[in-house]
């Protein structure tokens, strides 16, 4: 999984958020968010480096994609006087917002992703059959297994009779 910020449980209290220092989110999660790198401070990371969105009437707003338990979501950030950033449950961004994204269901990093079924010998063999022939063969199976006289003789081709 990408470097999602772990924040523990959100509450009314200020929760410090350590912002990621690299742009490592897929485009479908970032959507309109952009990553901005700020200069190092005394050879250390700069807490202002991270994701931002431009919101009408609010300007450039710092945001972070975080994990709380098994849940991933965006939060808006506020800056403390010491330069660090914090959030709380009120700053949680709804998934259906218009400017930030979320996991693509086909992305293996999606929390509910279910990978493709492992290939068995039977599913491997099905790749080589024509779907129309499969439907016809299923119909023939039902005709041939009914009790009574058979309408199909061994010398007569089956597919033309069914068609």
Protein backbone atom coordinates (compact mmCIF):
# COMPACT_ATOMS: atom_id res chain seq x y z
CA UNK A 1 0.00 0.00 0.00
CA UNK A 2 1.15 3.54 -0.61
CA UNK A 3 2.52 5.64 2.26
CA UNK A 4 -0.84 6.51 3.77
CA UNK A 5 -0.59 8.58 6.96
CA UNK A 6 -1.74 6.58 9.97
CA UNK A 7 -3.59 8.81 12.40
CA UNK A 8 -5.27 6.53 14.91
CA UNK A 9 -8.82 7.40 15.96
CA UNK A 10 -10.27 10.77 14.98
CA UNK A 11 -12.16 12.72 17.62
CA UNK A 12 -12.99 16.33 18.52
CA UNK A 13 -9.44 16.80 19.78
CA UNK A 14 -6.62 17.96 17.54
CA UNK A 15 -4.82 15.00 16.00
CA UNK A 16 -1.31 15.65 14.64
CA UNK A 17 -0.84 14.55 11.04
CA UNK A 18 2.62 13.77 9.68
CA UNK A 19 2.30 14.70 6.04
CA UNK A 20 3.81 12.49 3.38
CA UNK A 21 6.94 13.83 1.75
CA UNK A 22 6.55 12.16 -1.65
CA UNK A 23 3.81 12.24 -4.25
CA UNK A 24 2.84 8.57 -4.07
CA UNK A 25 -0.94 8.52 -4.60
CA UNK A 26 -2.55 7.33 -7.84
CA UNK A 27 -4.28 10.00 -9.95
CA UNK A 28 -7.77 8.59 -9.25
CA UNK A 29 -7.23 9.23 -5.52
CA UNK A 30 -5.64 12.67 -5.94
CA UNK A 31 -8.16 13.91 -8.48
CA UNK A 32 -7.68 17.70 -8.14
CA UNK A 33 -5.14 17.52 -5.32
CA UNK A 34 -1.59 18.46 -6.22
CA UNK A 35 1.68 17.81 -4.44
CA UNK A 36 3.86 20.75 -3.46
CA UNK A 37 7.44 20.35 -2.24
CA UNK A 38 8.75 23.02 0.14
CA UNK A 39 12.46 23.61 0.89
CA UNK A 40 14.08 21.65 3.70
CA UNK A 41 14.28 23.34 7.09
CA UNK A 42 17.68 22.91 8.73
CA UNK A 43 18.28 19.77 6.62
CA UNK A 44 15.00 18.21 7.81
CA UNK A 45 11.72 17.67 6.05
CA UNK A 46 9.40 20.62 5.77
CA UNK A 47 5.93 20.04 7.31
CA UNK A 48 4.43 22.21 4.54
CA UNK A 49 5.40 19.65 1.88
CA UNK A 50 2.33 17.65 0.93
CA UNK A 51 -0.98 17.65 -0.92
CA UNK A 52 -3.12 20.73 -1.48
CA UNK A 53 -6.38 21.55 -3.22
CA UNK A 54 -7.59 24.92 -4.47
CA UNK A 55 -11.08 25.53 -3.12
CA UNK A 56 -13.27 28.47 -4.06
CA UNK A 57 -13.30 31.19 -1.40
CA UNK A 58 -10.78 29.25 0.71
CA UNK A 59 -7.72 29.27 -1.54
CA UNK A 60 -4.94 26.70 -1.21
CA UNK A 61 -6.03 24.17 1.40
CA UNK A 62 -3.63 21.51 2.82
CA UNK A 63 -5.08 17.99 2.78
CA UNK A 64 -3.85 14.47 3.51
CA UNK A 65 -5.10 10.98 2.62
CA UNK A 66 -5.02 9.09 5.92
CA UNK A 67 -5.87 5.75 7.48
CA UNK A 68 -7.91 5.32 10.63
CA UNK A 69 -8.09 1.62 11.47
CA UNK A 70 -9.23 -0.01 8.21
CA UNK A 71 -10.69 3.18 6.73
CA UNK A 72 -9.03 5.51 4.21
CA UNK A 73 -10.21 9.08 3.69
CA UNK A 74 -9.09 12.63 3.00
CA UNK A 75 -8.89 15.20 5.79
CA UNK A 76 -8.43 18.95 5.64
CA UNK A 77 -5.51 20.17 7.70
CA UNK A 78 -4.91 23.18 9.91
CA UNK A 79 -1.48 24.45 10.91
CA UNK A 80 -0.37 24.87 14.53
CA UNK A 81 1.78 27.81 15.61
CA UNK A 82 4.83 25.52 15.64
CA UNK A 83 4.32 24.71 11.92
CA UNK A 84 2.97 21.17 12.39
CA UNK A 85 -0.41 20.17 10.99
CA UNK A 86 -3.45 18.73 12.72
CA UNK A 87 -6.98 17.58 11.95
CA UNK A 88 -10.06 16.27 13.76
CA UNK A 89 -13.26 14.44 12.82
CA UNK A 90 -14.94 17.67 11.67
CA UNK A 91 -12.30 18.08 8.94
CA UNK A 92 -12.99 14.68 7.36
CA UNK A 93 -13.74 15.13 3.63
CA UNK A 94 -16.77 13.15 2.36
CA UNK A 95 -15.92 10.51 -0.27
CA UNK A 96 -18.47 11.98 -2.69
CA UNK A 97 -16.81 15.42 -2.73
CA UNK A 98 -16.12 17.12 -6.06
CA UNK A 99 -12.41 17.82 -5.75
CA UNK A 100 -10.78 14.72 -4.19
CA UNK A 101 -10.99 11.08 -5.24
CA UNK A 102 -10.89 7.70 -3.59
CA UNK A 103 -9.76 4.17 -4.44
CA UNK A 104 -10.71 2.77 -7.83
CA UNK A 105 -12.54 -0.55 -7.18
CA UNK A 106 -10.21 -2.30 -9.65
CA UNK A 107 -7.08 -1.05 -7.86
CA UNK A 108 -5.43 -3.84 -5.83
CA UNK A 109 -4.88 -1.27 -3.05
CA UNK A 110 -8.65 -0.66 -2.69
CA UNK A 111 -9.70 -1.85 0.81
CA UNK A 112 -12.46 -4.05 -0.65
CA UNK A 113 -10.51 -5.28 -3.70
CA UNK A 114 -11.09 -8.90 -4.63
CA UNK A 115 -8.50 -10.17 -7.06
CA UNK A 116 -9.21 -12.35 -10.07
CA UNK A 117 -10.09 -15.95 -9.33
CA UNK A 118 -7.17 -18.32 -9.66
CA UNK A 119 -7.16 -20.20 -12.95
CA UNK A 120 -8.10 -23.86 -12.65
CA UNK A 121 -7.76 -26.44 -15.39
CA UNK A 122 -11.49 -26.14 -16.14
CA UNK A 123 -11.43 -22.33 -16.45
CA UNK A 124 -8.24 -22.57 -18.49
CA UNK A 125 -10.01 -24.91 -20.95
CA UNK A 126 -13.06 -22.62 -21.21
CA UNK A 127 -10.88 -19.92 -22.82
CA UNK A 128 -10.65 -22.05 -25.96
CA UNK A 129 -14.40 -22.67 -26.47
CA UNK A 130 -16.64 -20.50 -28.60
CA UNK A 131 -19.49 -19.13 -26.43
CA UNK A 132 -22.07 -19.95 -29.13
CA UNK A 133 -20.90 -23.56 -29.28
CA UNK A 134 -21.14 -23.75 -25.48
CA UNK A 135 -24.81 -22.64 -25.62
CA UNK A 136 -25.54 -25.18 -28.34
CA UNK A 137 -23.74 -27.95 -26.48
CA UNK A 138 -25.77 -27.17 -23.37
CA UNK A 139 -28.97 -27.44 -25.41
CA UNK A 140 -27.84 -30.73 -26.96
CA UNK A 141 -27.08 -32.10 -23.52
CA UNK A 142 -30.68 -31.50 -22.43
CA UNK A 143 -32.12 -32.99 -25.63
CA UNK A 144 -29.87 -36.04 -25.56
CA UNK A 145 -30.54 -36.84 -21.89
CA UNK A 146 -34.35 -36.84 -22.18
CA UNK A 147 -36.03 -40.25 -22.05
CA UNK A 148 -37.64 -41.57 -25.19
CA UNK A 149 -36.49 -41.95 -28.74
CA UNK A 150 -33.59 -39.86 -29.87
CA UNK A 151 -34.20 -37.58 -32.85
CA UNK A 152 -30.53 -37.39 -33.68
CA UNK A 153 -28.78 -40.28 -35.36
CA UNK A 154 -25.06 -40.92 -34.82
CA UNK A 155 -24.40 -40.27 -38.54
CA UNK A 156 -26.17 -36.92 -38.65
CA UNK A 157 -24.19 -33.83 -37.60
CA UNK A 158 -25.61 -32.29 -34.44
CA UNK A 159 -25.01 -28.57 -34.88
CA UNK A 160 -26.98 -28.15 -38.17
CA UNK A 161 -30.00 -29.92 -36.63
CA UNK A 162 -30.01 -27.63 -33.61
CA UNK A 163 -29.44 -24.49 -35.65
